[in-house]
Amino acid sequence: MRCPKCGANNDKVIDSRCVKDDSGVRRRRECLECGNRFTTIESIIPEELKVIKRSGEREDYDRDKLRRGIANACYKRSIASEDIDAMVDDITRSLLRDFDREVDSAEIGERVMAALRDADQVAYVRFASVYRKFQAVKDFIHEIKGLKK
């Protein structure tokens, strides 16, 4: 690991602890050249999951893109950042568990909508309006009536 201060590749681990529900390790390190202390986080890199878009194009699964989409739907709602992170973690874990190499973007969208439906109905409708490409007010009304069921 390179020191962020001097660039030396000579350090020692001072402390290690689990993070994120035991899905990673946080390490406190000290550079043996300059004495700078810094933190690294080690986590498992999931298999390269590809997303099949509606157009048929394939792209790498992007956890940050998923988080941005959920965060946009939750904008100015009373949903904590930690709750959004938990939703992203749950969805990502379930996708990696259920799919080997490829997953349809529609499957990701449905899982996001299920998570948002339980968390916040306004965020759910916001996400659904973009995901399902609502064109008219009747589309919103139909979706809201579906929430009541």
N, C-alpha and C. Protein backbone atom coordinates (compact mmCIF):
# COMPACT_ATOMS: atom_id res chain seq x y z
N MET A 1 0.85 -1.17 0.00
CA MET A 1 0.00 0.00 0.00
C MET A 1 0.89 1.24 0.00
N ARG A 2 0.63 2.17 -0.87
CA ARG A 2 1.43 3.40 -0.96
C ARG A 2 0.93 4.45 0.02
N CYS A 3 1.87 5.09 0.68
CA CYS A 3 1.55 6.17 1.62
C CYS A 3 1.00 7.36 0.82
N PRO A 4 -0.15 7.92 1.23
CA PRO A 4 -0.71 9.05 0.50
C PRO A 4 0.12 10.34 0.66
N LYS A 5 0.99 10.38 1.67
CA LYS A 5 1.80 11.58 1.92
C LYS A 5 3.13 11.54 1.16
N CYS A 6 3.90 10.46 1.31
CA CYS A 6 5.24 10.42 0.71
C CYS A 6 5.35 9.45 -0.46
N GLY A 7 4.35 8.59 -0.65
CA GLY A 7 4.36 7.64 -1.77
C GLY A 7 5.17 6.38 -1.53
N ALA A 8 5.73 6.23 -0.34
CA ALA A 8 6.52 5.03 -0.03
C ALA A 8 5.62 3.80 0.02
N ASN A 9 6.21 2.67 -0.29
CA ASN A 9 5.46 1.42 -0.31
C ASN A 9 5.88 0.54 0.87
N ASN A 10 6.08 1.16 2.02
CA ASN A 10 6.57 0.45 3.18
C ASN A 10 5.77 0.89 4.40
N ASP A 11 4.81 0.08 4.81
CA ASP A 11 3.98 0.45 5.96
C ASP A 11 3.70 -0.76 6.83
N LYS A 12 3.11 -0.50 7.99
CA LYS A 12 2.70 -1.60 8.86
C LYS A 12 1.26 -1.34 9.29
N VAL A 13 0.54 -2.44 9.53
CA VAL A 13 -0.84 -2.36 9.98
C VAL A 13 -0.83 -2.21 11.50
N ILE A 14 -1.53 -1.16 11.96
CA ILE A 14 -1.61 -0.89 13.40
C ILE A 14 -2.86 -1.52 14.00
N ASP A 15 -3.97 -1.46 13.25
CA ASP A 15 -5.25 -1.94 13.76
C ASP A 15 -6.10 -2.43 12.60
N SER A 16 -6.87 -3.48 12.82
CA SER A 16 -7.82 -4.01 11.83
C SER A 16 -9.14 -4.27 12.51
N ARG A 17 -10.22 -3.98 11.79
CA ARG A 17 -11.55 -4.31 12.30
C ARG A 17 -12.53 -4.49 11.15
N CYS A 18 -13.57 -5.24 11.40
CA CYS A 18 -14.58 -5.52 10.38
C CYS A 18 -15.48 -4.30 10.20
N VAL A 19 -15.95 -4.14 8.98
CA VAL A 19 -16.90 -3.07 8.66
C VAL A 19 -18.02 -3.64 7.81
N LYS A 20 -19.08 -2.87 7.67
CA LYS A 20 -20.18 -3.19 6.76
C LYS A 20 -20.68 -4.62 6.91
N ASP A 21 -21.18 -4.95 8.04
CA ASP A 21 -21.75 -6.29 8.25
C ASP A 21 -20.76 -7.40 7.90
N ASP A 22 -19.52 -7.24 8.30
CA ASP A 22 -18.46 -8.22 8.05
C ASP A 22 -18.17 -8.44 6.57
N SER A 23 -18.49 -7.45 5.73
CA SER A 23 -18.20 -7.60 4.30
C SER A 23 -16.89 -6.92 3.90
N GLY A 24 -16.17 -6.39 4.88
CA GLY A 24 -14.90 -5.74 4.59
C GLY A 24 -14.07 -5.58 5.84
N VAL A 25 -12.84 -5.08 5.65
CA VAL A 25 -11.92 -4.88 6.76
C VAL A 25 -11.37 -3.46 6.67
N ARG A 26 -11.42 -2.76 7.78
CA ARG A 26 -10.83 -1.42 7.88
C ARG A 26 -9.47 -1.60 8.54
N ARG A 27 -8.43 -1.06 7.89
CA ARG A 27 -7.09 -1.19 8.45
C ARG A 27 -6.49 0.19 8.68
N ARG A 28 -5.94 0.38 9.86
CA ARG A 28 -5.21 1.60 10.19
C ARG A 28 -3.74 1.28 9.96
N ARG A 29 -3.06 2.09 9.15
CA ARG A 29 -1.68 1.81 8.76
C ARG A 29 -0.76 2.98 9.15
N GLU A 30 0.51 2.66 9.29
CA GLU A 30 1.52 3.68 9.55
C GLU A 30 2.66 3.49 8.56
N CYS A 31 3.02 4.58 7.87
CA CYS A 31 4.13 4.55 6.93
C CYS A 31 5.43 4.46 7.72
N LEU A 32 6.29 3.52 7.34
CA LEU A 32 7.55 3.34 8.04
C LEU A 32 8.61 4.34 7.57
N GLU A 33 8.33 5.06 6.49
CA GLU A 33 9.27 6.06 5.98
C GLU A 33 9.06 7.43 6.64
N CYS A 34 7.79 7.91 6.64
CA CYS A 34 7.54 9.27 7.13
C CYS A 34 6.71 9.31 8.42
N GLY A 35 6.15 8.17 8.83
CA GLY A 35 5.38 8.11 10.06
C GLY A 35 3.91 8.51 9.90
N ASN A 36 3.49 8.85 8.68
CA ASN A 36 2.10 9.22 8.41
C ASN A 36 1.18 8.04 8.69
N ARG A 37 0.04 8.32 9.32
CA ARG A 37 -0.96 7.27 9.56
C ARG A 37 -2.13 7.49 8.61
N PHE A 38 -2.63 6.39 8.06
CA PHE A 38 -3.75 6.47 7.13
C PHE A 38 -4.60 5.21 7.24
N THR A 39 -5.81 5.30 6.70
CA THR A 39 -6.77 4.20 6.80
C THR A 39 -7.06 3.65 5.41
N THR A 40 -7.15 2.33 5.31
CA THR A 40 -7.56 1.67 4.08
C THR A 40 -8.76 0.78 4.40
N ILE A 41 -9.56 0.54 3.39
CA ILE A 41 -10.70 -0.37 3.54
C ILE A 41 -10.56 -1.45 2.49
N GLU A 42 -10.62 -2.68 2.93
CA GLU A 42 -10.47 -3.83 2.05
C GLU A 42 -11.82 -4.53 1.98
N SER A 43 -12.29 -4.80 0.76
CA SER A 43 -13.55 -5.51 0.61
C SER A 43 -13.45 -6.46 -0.58
N ILE A 44 -14.37 -7.37 -0.64
CA ILE A 44 -14.42 -8.35 -1.72
C ILE A 44 -14.93 -7.66 -2.97
N ILE A 45 -14.25 -7.85 -4.07
CA ILE A 45 -14.73 -7.33 -5.34
C ILE A 45 -15.64 -8.40 -5.93
N PRO A 46 -16.91 -8.06 -6.11
CA PRO A 46 -17.83 -9.07 -6.61
C PRO A 46 -17.49 -9.46 -8.05
N GLU A 47 -17.95 -10.64 -8.42
CA GLU A 47 -17.77 -11.07 -9.80
C GLU A 47 -18.31 -9.99 -10.72
N GLU A 48 -17.79 -9.93 -11.90
CA GLU A 48 -18.19 -8.90 -12.84
C GLU A 48 -19.59 -9.17 -13.35
N LEU A 49 -20.56 -8.57 -12.69
CA LEU A 49 -21.95 -8.71 -13.07
C LEU A 49 -22.26 -7.70 -14.16
N LYS A 50 -22.85 -8.15 -15.23
CA LYS A 50 -23.22 -7.28 -16.35
C LYS A 50 -24.71 -7.01 -16.30
N VAL A 51 -25.08 -5.79 -16.64
CA VAL A 51 -26.48 -5.39 -16.70
C VAL A 51 -26.88 -5.33 -18.16
N ILE A 52 -27.99 -6.00 -18.48
CA ILE A 52 -28.52 -5.97 -19.84
C ILE A 52 -29.56 -4.87 -19.90
N LYS A 53 -29.24 -3.80 -20.63
CA LYS A 53 -30.13 -2.65 -20.72
C LYS A 53 -31.31 -2.96 -21.63
N ARG A 54 -32.32 -2.10 -21.63
CA ARG A 54 -33.48 -2.29 -22.49
C ARG A 54 -33.10 -2.36 -23.96
N SER A 55 -32.06 -1.61 -24.33
CA SER A 55 -31.61 -1.57 -25.72
C SER A 55 -30.86 -2.84 -26.12
N GLY A 56 -30.57 -3.70 -25.14
CA GLY A 56 -29.79 -4.91 -25.40
C GLY A 56 -28.31 -4.71 -25.13
N GLU A 57 -27.92 -3.47 -24.92
CA GLU A 57 -26.52 -3.16 -24.59
C GLU A 57 -26.19 -3.72 -23.22
N ARG A 58 -24.94 -4.11 -23.04
CA ARG A 58 -24.48 -4.64 -21.76
C ARG A 58 -23.46 -3.68 -21.16
N GLU A 59 -23.60 -3.45 -19.85
CA GLU A 59 -22.62 -2.61 -19.15
C GLU A 59 -22.36 -3.20 -17.78
N ASP A 60 -21.25 -2.82 -17.19
CA ASP A 60 -20.88 -3.31 -15.86
C ASP A 60 -21.89 -2.83 -14.83
N TYR A 61 -22.19 -3.69 -13.86
CA TYR A 61 -23.04 -3.30 -12.75
C TYR A 61 -22.31 -2.21 -11.97
N ASP A 62 -23.02 -1.12 -11.68
CA ASP A 62 -22.42 0.02 -11.01
C ASP A 62 -23.22 0.33 -9.75
N ARG A 63 -22.67 -0.05 -8.62
CA ARG A 63 -23.33 0.17 -7.32
C ARG A 63 -23.58 1.64 -7.07
N ASP A 64 -22.64 2.50 -7.48
CA ASP A 64 -22.80 3.94 -7.27
C ASP A 64 -23.94 4.51 -8.10
N LYS A 65 -24.12 3.98 -9.30
CA LYS A 65 -25.24 4.41 -10.15
C LYS A 65 -26.57 4.03 -9.50
N LEU A 66 -26.63 2.84 -8.93
CA LEU A 66 -27.82 2.40 -8.22
C LEU A 66 -28.10 3.33 -7.04
N ARG A 67 -27.07 3.67 -6.29
CA ARG A 67 -27.24 4.55 -5.13
C ARG A 67 -27.72 5.93 -5.55
N ARG A 68 -27.17 6.47 -6.64
CA ARG A 68 -27.61 7.78 -7.13
C ARG A 68 -29.08 7.77 -7.51
N GLY A 69 -29.52 6.70 -8.17
CA GLY A 69 -30.93 6.60 -8.56
C GLY A 69 -31.86 6.57 -7.36
N ILE A 70 -31.48 5.79 -6.36
CA ILE A 70 -32.30 5.72 -5.14
C ILE A 70 -32.25 7.04 -4.39
N ALA A 71 -31.07 7.65 -4.30
CA ALA A 71 -30.92 8.93 -3.60
C ALA A 71 -31.74 10.02 -4.29
N ASN A 72 -31.77 10.03 -5.61
CA ASN A 72 -32.59 11.02 -6.34
C ASN A 72 -34.07 10.85 -6.02
N ALA A 73 -34.52 9.62 -5.94
CA ALA A 73 -35.93 9.37 -5.61
C ALA A 73 -36.24 9.79 -4.18
N CYS A 74 -35.26 9.71 -3.31
CA CYS A 74 -35.45 10.04 -1.89
C CYS A 74 -35.12 11.49 -1.56
N TYR A 75 -34.81 12.29 -2.56
CA TYR A 75 -34.42 13.69 -2.35
C TYR A 75 -35.49 14.44 -1.56
N LYS A 76 -35.06 15.08 -0.50
CA LYS A 76 -35.91 15.86 0.41
C LYS A 76 -37.01 15.02 1.07
N ARG A 77 -36.74 13.77 1.26
CA ARG A 77 -37.63 12.88 2.01
C ARG A 77 -36.91 12.53 3.30
N SER A 78 -37.64 12.04 4.27
CA SER A 78 -37.04 11.74 5.57
C SER A 78 -36.44 10.34 5.60
N ILE A 79 -35.55 10.09 4.65
CA ILE A 79 -34.86 8.80 4.57
C ILE A 79 -33.38 9.07 4.81
N ALA A 80 -32.83 8.44 5.82
CA ALA A 80 -31.43 8.66 6.19
C ALA A 80 -30.50 8.06 5.14
N SER A 81 -29.35 8.67 5.03
CA SER A 81 -28.33 8.19 4.09
C SER A 81 -27.96 6.73 4.39
N GLU A 82 -27.94 6.38 5.67
CA GLU A 82 -27.63 5.00 6.07
C GLU A 82 -28.69 4.03 5.56
N ASP A 83 -29.95 4.49 5.54
CA ASP A 83 -31.03 3.64 5.04
C ASP A 83 -30.90 3.42 3.53
N ILE A 84 -30.48 4.46 2.83
CA ILE A 84 -30.25 4.33 1.39
C ILE A 84 -29.10 3.35 1.14
N ASP A 85 -28.03 3.50 1.91
CA ASP A 85 -26.90 2.57 1.78
C ASP A 85 -27.32 1.14 2.07
N ALA A 86 -28.18 0.96 3.07
CA ALA A 86 -28.66 -0.38 3.41
C ALA A 86 -29.49 -0.97 2.27
N MET A 87 -30.33 -0.14 1.63
CA MET A 87 -31.11 -0.60 0.49
C MET A 87 -30.18 -1.05 -0.64
N VAL A 88 -29.17 -0.22 -0.93
CA VAL A 88 -28.22 -0.55 -2.00
C VAL A 88 -27.48 -1.85 -1.67
N ASP A 89 -27.05 -1.98 -0.41
CA ASP A 89 -26.35 -3.20 0.01
C ASP A 89 -27.25 -4.43 -0.16
N ASP A 90 -28.50 -4.32 0.28
CA ASP A 90 -29.44 -5.45 0.19
C ASP A 90 -29.70 -5.83 -1.27
N ILE A 91 -29.93 -4.83 -2.10
CA ILE A 91 -30.21 -5.10 -3.51
C ILE A 91 -28.98 -5.73 -4.18
N THR A 92 -27.80 -5.17 -3.90
CA THR A 92 -26.57 -5.70 -4.49
C THR A 92 -26.33 -7.14 -4.06
N ARG A 93 -26.49 -7.41 -2.76
CA ARG A 93 -26.31 -8.78 -2.26
C ARG A 93 -27.28 -9.74 -2.92
N SER A 94 -28.54 -9.32 -3.05
CA SER A 94 -29.53 -10.22 -3.64
C SER A 94 -29.25 -10.48 -5.12
N LEU A 95 -28.76 -9.46 -5.83
CA LEU A 95 -28.42 -9.66 -7.24
C LEU A 95 -27.25 -10.61 -7.40
N LEU A 96 -26.23 -10.43 -6.57
CA LEU A 96 -25.06 -11.31 -6.64
C LEU A 96 -25.41 -12.74 -6.24
N ARG A 97 -26.37 -12.88 -5.33
CA ARG A 97 -26.80 -14.22 -4.90
C ARG A 97 -27.63 -14.90 -5.99
N ASP A 98 -28.49 -14.13 -6.68
CA ASP A 98 -29.46 -14.71 -7.61
C ASP A 98 -28.98 -14.82 -9.06
N PHE A 99 -27.93 -14.06 -9.42
CA PHE A 99 -27.48 -14.04 -10.81
C PHE A 99 -25.98 -14.28 -10.87
N ASP A 100 -25.56 -15.07 -11.86
CA ASP A 100 -24.14 -15.41 -12.00
C ASP A 100 -23.37 -14.34 -12.76
N ARG A 101 -23.77 -14.05 -13.96
CA ARG A 101 -23.00 -13.16 -14.83
C ARG A 101 -23.78 -11.95 -15.31
N GLU A 102 -25.08 -12.13 -15.62
CA GLU A 102 -25.86 -11.06 -16.22
C GLU A 102 -27.22 -10.93 -15.54
N VAL A 103 -27.72 -9.69 -15.51
CA VAL A 103 -29.03 -9.41 -14.94
C VAL A 103 -29.68 -8.33 -15.80
N ASP A 104 -30.98 -8.48 -16.04
CA ASP A 104 -31.72 -7.46 -16.78
C ASP A 104 -31.88 -6.21 -15.93
N SER A 105 -31.81 -5.06 -16.57
CA SER A 105 -32.02 -3.81 -15.84
C SER A 105 -33.43 -3.77 -15.25
N ALA A 106 -34.38 -4.45 -15.91
CA ALA A 106 -35.75 -4.49 -15.39
C ALA A 106 -35.80 -5.17 -14.03
N GLU A 107 -34.99 -6.19 -13.83
CA GLU A 107 -34.95 -6.88 -12.54
C GLU A 107 -34.42 -5.95 -11.45
N ILE A 108 -33.40 -5.18 -11.78
CA ILE A 108 -32.86 -4.22 -10.81
C ILE A 108 -33.91 -3.18 -10.47
N GLY A 109 -34.58 -2.67 -11.49
CA GLY A 109 -35.64 -1.67 -11.27
C GLY A 109 -36.75 -2.19 -10.38
N GLU A 110 -37.17 -3.43 -10.60
CA GLU A 110 -38.23 -4.01 -9.77
C GLU A 110 -37.79 -4.15 -8.32
N ARG A 111 -36.55 -4.54 -8.11
CA ARG A 111 -36.04 -4.68 -6.74
C ARG A 111 -35.92 -3.33 -6.05
N VAL A 112 -35.53 -2.32 -6.80
CA VAL A 112 -35.47 -0.96 -6.22
C VAL A 112 -36.87 -0.50 -5.85
N MET A 113 -37.83 -0.73 -6.75
CA MET A 113 -39.20 -0.29 -6.47
C MET A 113 -39.76 -1.02 -5.25
N ALA A 114 -39.46 -2.29 -5.10
CA ALA A 114 -39.93 -3.03 -3.92
C ALA A 114 -39.33 -2.45 -2.65
N ALA A 115 -38.05 -2.11 -2.68
CA ALA A 115 -37.40 -1.53 -1.50
C ALA A 115 -37.97 -0.15 -1.18
N LEU A 116 -38.19 0.66 -2.21
CA LEU A 116 -38.73 2.01 -1.98
C LEU A 116 -40.20 1.97 -1.55
N ARG A 117 -40.95 0.99 -2.05
CA ARG A 117 -42.37 0.88 -1.67
C ARG A 117 -42.47 0.68 -0.15
N ASP A 118 -41.54 -0.09 0.41
CA ASP A 118 -41.55 -0.33 1.85
C ASP A 118 -41.00 0.86 2.64
N ALA A 119 -40.08 1.63 2.03
CA ALA A 119 -39.41 2.71 2.75
C ALA A 119 -40.19 4.02 2.72
N ASP A 120 -40.68 4.41 1.53
CA ASP A 120 -41.32 5.72 1.39
C ASP A 120 -42.13 5.73 0.09
N GLN A 121 -43.42 5.95 0.20
CA GLN A 121 -44.29 5.87 -0.97
C GLN A 121 -44.04 6.99 -1.97
N VAL A 122 -43.69 8.18 -1.49
CA VAL A 122 -43.40 9.28 -2.41
C VAL A 122 -42.13 8.97 -3.22
N ALA A 123 -41.10 8.48 -2.55
CA ALA A 123 -39.87 8.10 -3.24
C ALA A 123 -40.17 6.99 -4.25
N TYR A 124 -41.04 6.07 -3.87
CA TYR A 124 -41.43 4.98 -4.76
C TYR A 124 -42.06 5.53 -6.04
N VAL A 125 -43.01 6.46 -5.90
CA VAL A 125 -43.69 7.02 -7.07
C VAL A 125 -42.72 7.82 -7.92
N ARG A 126 -41.81 8.54 -7.29
CA ARG A 126 -40.80 9.28 -8.05
C ARG A 126 -39.96 8.33 -8.90
N PHE A 127 -39.48 7.26 -8.28
CA PHE A 127 -38.65 6.31 -9.00
C PHE A 127 -39.46 5.63 -10.10
N ALA A 128 -40.68 5.24 -9.79
CA ALA A 128 -41.53 4.57 -10.76
C ALA A 128 -41.81 5.46 -11.96
N SER A 129 -41.97 6.77 -11.73
CA SER A 129 -42.27 7.68 -12.83
C SER A 129 -41.13 7.74 -13.84
N VAL A 130 -39.90 7.64 -13.37
CA VAL A 130 -38.75 7.64 -14.27
C VAL A 130 -38.55 6.24 -14.86
N TYR A 131 -38.61 5.24 -14.00
CA TYR A 131 -38.36 3.86 -14.43
C TYR A 131 -39.39 3.39 -15.46
N ARG A 132 -40.63 3.70 -15.21
CA ARG A 132 -41.70 3.26 -16.11
C ARG A 132 -42.06 4.31 -17.16
N LYS A 133 -41.33 5.41 -17.18
CA LYS A 133 -41.48 6.46 -18.20
C LYS A 133 -42.91 6.98 -18.28
N PHE A 134 -43.42 7.48 -17.16
CA PHE A 134 -44.76 8.04 -17.13
C PHE A 134 -44.86 9.19 -18.13
N GLN A 135 -45.97 9.23 -18.88
CA GLN A 135 -46.18 10.26 -19.88
C GLN A 135 -47.32 11.21 -19.51
N ALA A 136 -48.21 10.77 -18.63
CA ALA A 136 -49.38 11.58 -18.30
C ALA A 136 -49.75 11.41 -16.83
N VAL A 137 -50.61 12.29 -16.36
CA VAL A 137 -51.05 12.26 -14.98
C VAL A 137 -51.75 10.94 -14.66
N LYS A 138 -52.46 10.38 -15.65
CA LYS A 138 -53.16 9.10 -15.41
C LYS A 138 -52.19 7.99 -15.02
N ASP A 139 -50.95 8.07 -15.51
CA ASP A 139 -49.95 7.07 -15.14
C ASP A 139 -49.62 7.16 -13.65
N PHE A 140 -49.51 8.39 -13.14
CA PHE A 140 -49.26 8.60 -11.71
C PHE A 140 -50.45 8.09 -10.89
N ILE A 141 -51.64 8.42 -11.34
CA ILE A 141 -52.85 8.02 -10.61
C ILE A 141 -52.95 6.50 -10.55
N HIS A 142 -52.68 5.84 -11.67
CA HIS A 142 -52.73 4.38 -11.71
C HIS A 142 -51.72 3.77 -10.72
N GLU A 143 -50.52 4.33 -10.67
CA GLU A 143 -49.48 3.82 -9.77
C GLU A 143 -49.85 4.04 -8.31
N ILE A 144 -50.42 5.20 -8.02
CA ILE A 144 -50.81 5.52 -6.64
C ILE A 144 -51.96 4.62 -6.20
N LYS A 145 -52.91 4.35 -7.10
CA LYS A 145 -53.99 3.43 -6.76
C LYS A 145 -53.45 2.03 -6.47
N GLY A 146 -52.40 1.64 -7.18
CA GLY A 146 -51.76 0.34 -6.94
C GLY A 146 -51.10 0.27 -5.58
N LEU A 147 -50.65 1.41 -5.05
CA LEU A 147 -50.05 1.45 -3.72
C LEU A 147 -51.07 1.17 -2.63
N LYS A 148 -52.30 1.59 -2.85
CA LYS A 148 -53.36 1.42 -1.84
C LYS A 148 -53.73 -0.04 -1.63
N LYS A 149 -53.45 -0.87 -2.63
CA LYS A 149 -53.84 -2.28 -2.55
C LYS A 149 -52.99 -3.04 -1.59
